Amino acid sequence: MPDLRERSIEIIRRNQAPSGAYVACPHFAPYRFCWLRDGTFTAYAMDRAGQHDSARRFYLWVGSVLRQGAARVDRIARVVEQGGTPSSKDMLPTRYRLDGAPEDDSWPNFQLDGYGTWLWGLAQHVRMTGDVGLVDRLNDCVSLTLRYISLCWRMPNYDCWEEFGDRLHPATLACLYGGLTAARNLVKQDEAEKATRLAGDIRDYILRNGVLDRGAFGRRFAKSVGNSSIDASLLWLAVPFAAVDPVDPIMICTVDEIERHLYHRGVHRYPEDTYYGGGEWPLLACWLGWYYCLTGRPSLAAPILDWVEGCADERGELPEQVSDHVNDPEYVGVWVERWGPVARPLLWSHAMYLVLSHEVAELDGRDTDASALRLVSRG
């Protein structure tokens, strides 16, 4: 099998459309679209790998699709200003066709996480490349996104797994927080001040409403407001969106819970998950490894990297999830019959493998405490 880092770059580049969009999975019909969330993390991985031209094309594509949604945001603003609540069908979609057209079907399409994530990713791209000209080209899209977030962040919407659309989710709110704080470096002072205030409001909301108090067992983040389960996406609160410090006691208790209930060799999404049986996700395993690197423990991340490499098939393709250890085996066949085998290659899996590979490599041989402080400072 070829080197998985080089293979991952090759797979991502091959599956970037001429438009700049990254298809979530080319061989799995329900995923032949581009999500802003998946796409941004894929672009971030390509930036980390030095493939800046690929990432730049993606962000230009995001700009083109957002401009198509400007009239929708105007309509949402009018409804809100009149004291109403917009329909979920009025919202900007979470996934797009590769040519940039919105996919307005029955899919759970009102998700906000991608809109915060793309702002964060654009800021990372500019930080790594110094491409301020790209900011000038996308200034209107950044402002549109900030407006959209300010109008909608309190509205219940689907989580990153396309589920529980009647709730607010700390992981989604973390995406918005991370996007708003990153956007401060992309906009003029008045907008930056508004973004800062809004980010503070969102963080306050998370800490007031998204924390489960377990008495003597400590406080941890909840899967969603009103849902006390644990979810691996809660790692996003610390990395990369920095809504809380990675060594905040609440975050430490959250990670402890993830380790106890979701970490086997890979990482499950959440205990009740039955999608393809609720298997282990390589991308979430990489996220836990990223957290370990962020907190100066690369020795804990290295076995995760090895496990993820072992998930690749003979073509060097990584799946969405692995079914060797599942929450409910009865549901594996149910989903295979409905949609076919597990999605492979999943570009998001390859992206997170690249991110963790770079994190481990950067920490290798360095003083871990100093490296952890450097990583935390990335913001």
Foldseek 3Di string as FASTA:
>chain_A
DPDLLVLLVVVQVVQQDPQLAHQQFDPFVVRRWGFLQLRLLLLLLCVLVVNLVSSLSNLVLVLVLLVVLLVLLVVLVVQVVVVHHDDLLSDQFRIPHSNNHRDRDPQQTRAQLSLLSNLLSVLSSCVSPVPLVSLVVRVVVLVSSLSRCVSPVPQQGADPVSDDSRFHFPLSLLSNLLNLCSCLVRDDDVSNVVSVVVSVVSLVCCVVFQWDQPDPLGIEGARTRVHRWAFLSNLSCDPPSCSDPCPDRRNVSNVVNQCVQAPDQAGFGTLVDCQLQGAGALLSLLSVCVSCLLQLRNVVNVSSLVVQQVQADPSSKHFRGDDPDGNGNVSNVVNCVVGNHTRIRRSSSSSSSSVSVSSSVVSPPHRSNVSSVVSSVPD
